Amino acid sequence: MHAVSISGLKHNPAEALRQAKAGPVLVLNRDRPDALLIGLEQGGLLQVPGVRAALATALFRDGELSLARAARVAEMEVGSFINHLGRLGIAAIRLTAAETGADLGTLEQWLQSSSPTPAP
């Protein structure tokens, strides 16, 4: 196990992440334990079925990752990830009423502009 101070983590986060690949890293805040960094590749954790999808789903649900990035973390195509979210009852697209109205207005304009003009 390794230990790193908050300032050490701030100045050299890459070193703490390298150490976390070998074993847990305790983050100290004024000599008091504050957090624990654990490399996900330790013990093949990321190879366990469902772990990547679960991480990606939680991060997407909480607004930490975009849909496309979450799909990449889950190692899924975007369409498959959307289906996965749907099975869990998680909306893939989240719009406010104003955003929905603006999108509908844009769609209506596009439909009008792409309609064939009647011949005289």
Protein backbone atom coordinates (compact mmCIF):
# COMPACT_ATOMS: atom_id res chain seq x y z
CA MET A 1 0.00 0.00 0.00
CA HIS A 2 1.20 3.50 -0.76
CA ALA A 3 0.26 6.88 0.74
CA VAL A 4 0.13 10.31 -0.86
CA SER A 5 -0.77 13.72 0.56
CA ILE A 6 -3.43 15.91 -1.05
CA SER A 7 -0.70 18.29 -2.26
CA GLY A 8 1.31 15.34 -3.63
CA LEU A 9 -1.78 14.15 -5.46
CA LYS A 10 -2.38 17.64 -6.83
CA HIS A 11 1.20 18.05 -8.06
CA ASN A 12 1.67 14.55 -9.49
CA PRO A 13 -1.63 12.69 -10.01
CA ALA A 14 -0.05 10.40 -12.62
CA GLU A 15 2.31 8.96 -10.02
CA ALA A 16 -0.56 8.19 -7.64
CA LEU A 17 -2.45 6.47 -10.47
CA ARG A 18 0.63 4.42 -11.38
CA GLN A 19 0.94 3.37 -7.74
CA ALA A 20 -2.77 2.48 -7.62
CA LYS A 21 -2.21 -0.03 -10.40
CA ALA A 22 0.17 -1.90 -8.09
CA GLY A 23 -1.87 -1.61 -4.89
CA PRO A 24 -4.19 0.68 -2.92
CA VAL A 25 -3.07 4.29 -2.39
CA LEU A 26 -4.21 6.08 0.75
CA VAL A 27 -4.77 9.81 0.24
CA LEU A 28 -3.91 11.81 3.36
CA ASN A 29 -5.35 15.20 4.23
CA ARG A 30 -3.17 16.74 6.97
CA ASP A 31 -2.01 13.29 8.02
CA ARG A 32 -5.59 12.01 8.24
CA PRO A 33 -6.90 9.32 5.86
CA ASP A 34 -9.25 10.99 3.38
CA ALA A 35 -9.67 8.70 0.36
CA LEU A 36 -8.48 5.45 -1.12
CA LEU A 37 -7.40 5.00 -4.75
CA ILE A 38 -7.74 1.47 -6.09
CA GLY A 39 -6.70 0.47 -9.59
CA LEU A 40 -9.63 -1.16 -11.36
CA GLU A 41 -7.37 -3.50 -13.27
CA GLN A 42 -6.20 -5.14 -10.03
CA GLY A 43 -7.47 -8.69 -9.84
CA GLY A 44 -9.15 -8.37 -13.25
CA LEU A 45 -12.05 -6.35 -11.85
CA LEU A 46 -12.84 -4.77 -15.23
CA GLN A 47 -13.00 -8.23 -16.82
CA VAL A 48 -15.86 -9.34 -14.56
CA PRO A 49 -19.03 -9.45 -16.69
CA GLY A 50 -21.22 -6.40 -16.17
CA VAL A 51 -18.71 -4.25 -14.27
CA ARG A 52 -17.93 -1.88 -17.16
CA ALA A 53 -21.63 -1.53 -18.01
CA ALA A 54 -22.52 -0.88 -14.36
CA LEU A 55 -19.83 1.80 -14.00
CA ALA A 56 -20.82 3.48 -17.26
CA THR A 57 -24.52 3.35 -16.39
CA ALA A 58 -24.04 4.92 -12.96
CA LEU A 59 -21.78 7.66 -14.35
CA PHE A 60 -24.23 8.44 -17.18
CA ARG A 61 -27.24 8.40 -14.83
CA ASP A 62 -25.49 10.84 -12.50
CA GLY A 63 -24.58 13.17 -15.37
CA GLU A 64 -20.83 12.53 -15.12
CA LEU A 65 -20.46 11.08 -18.64
CA SER A 66 -22.10 11.83 -21.97
CA LEU A 67 -24.06 9.09 -23.71
CA ALA A 68 -21.28 8.41 -26.23
CA ARG A 69 -18.53 8.38 -23.62
CA ALA A 70 -20.51 6.10 -21.31
CA ALA A 71 -21.05 3.69 -24.21
CA ARG A 72 -17.28 3.63 -24.82
CA VAL A 73 -16.61 2.95 -21.11
CA ALA A 74 -19.13 0.10 -21.27
CA GLU A 75 -17.47 -1.12 -24.50
CA MET A 76 -20.85 -1.04 -26.27
CA GLU A 77 -22.17 0.55 -29.44
CA VAL A 78 -24.23 3.65 -28.63
CA GLY A 79 -27.44 1.96 -29.80
CA SER A 80 -26.80 -1.07 -27.61
CA PHE A 81 -26.05 1.20 -24.64
CA ILE A 82 -29.32 3.09 -25.24
CA ASN A 83 -31.17 -0.25 -25.22
CA HIS A 84 -29.33 -1.19 -22.01
CA LEU A 85 -30.43 2.09 -20.40
CA GLY A 86 -34.00 1.53 -21.56
CA ARG A 87 -34.12 -1.91 -19.93
CA LEU A 88 -33.07 -0.20 -16.69
CA GLY A 89 -35.66 2.57 -17.05
CA ILE A 90 -33.01 5.29 -17.52
CA ALA A 91 -33.79 7.94 -20.13
CA ALA A 92 -31.04 8.24 -22.74
CA ILE A 93 -32.10 11.77 -23.69
CA ARG A 94 -32.96 14.35 -21.07
CA LEU A 95 -34.46 17.58 -22.31
CA THR A 96 -36.25 20.41 -20.53
CA ALA A 97 -39.66 21.52 -21.77
CA ALA A 98 -38.02 24.53 -23.46
CA GLU A 99 -35.43 22.34 -25.21
CA THR A 100 -38.14 19.95 -26.37
CA GLY A 101 -40.19 22.86 -27.73
CA ALA A 102 -37.18 24.28 -29.56
CA ASP A 103 -36.39 20.88 -31.08
CA LEU A 104 -39.99 20.44 -32.22
CA GLY A 105 -39.91 23.90 -33.81
CA THR A 106 -36.71 23.02 -35.67
CA LEU A 107 -38.24 19.74 -36.82
CA GLU A 108 -41.36 21.49 -38.10
CA GLN A 109 -39.24 24.02 -40.02
CA TRP A 110 -37.19 21.24 -41.55
CA LEU A 111 -40.27 19.26 -42.53
CA GLN A 112 -41.79 22.34 -44.21
CA SER A 113 -38.59 23.15 -46.08
CA SER A 114 -38.07 19.58 -47.27
CA SER A 115 -41.65 19.05 -48.47
CA PRO A 116 -41.95 18.97 -52.25
CA THR A 117 -43.42 22.15 -53.67
CA PRO A 118 -46.74 21.45 -55.43
CA ALA A 119 -46.59 21.89 -59.21
CA PRO A 120 -48.79 24.72 -60.68
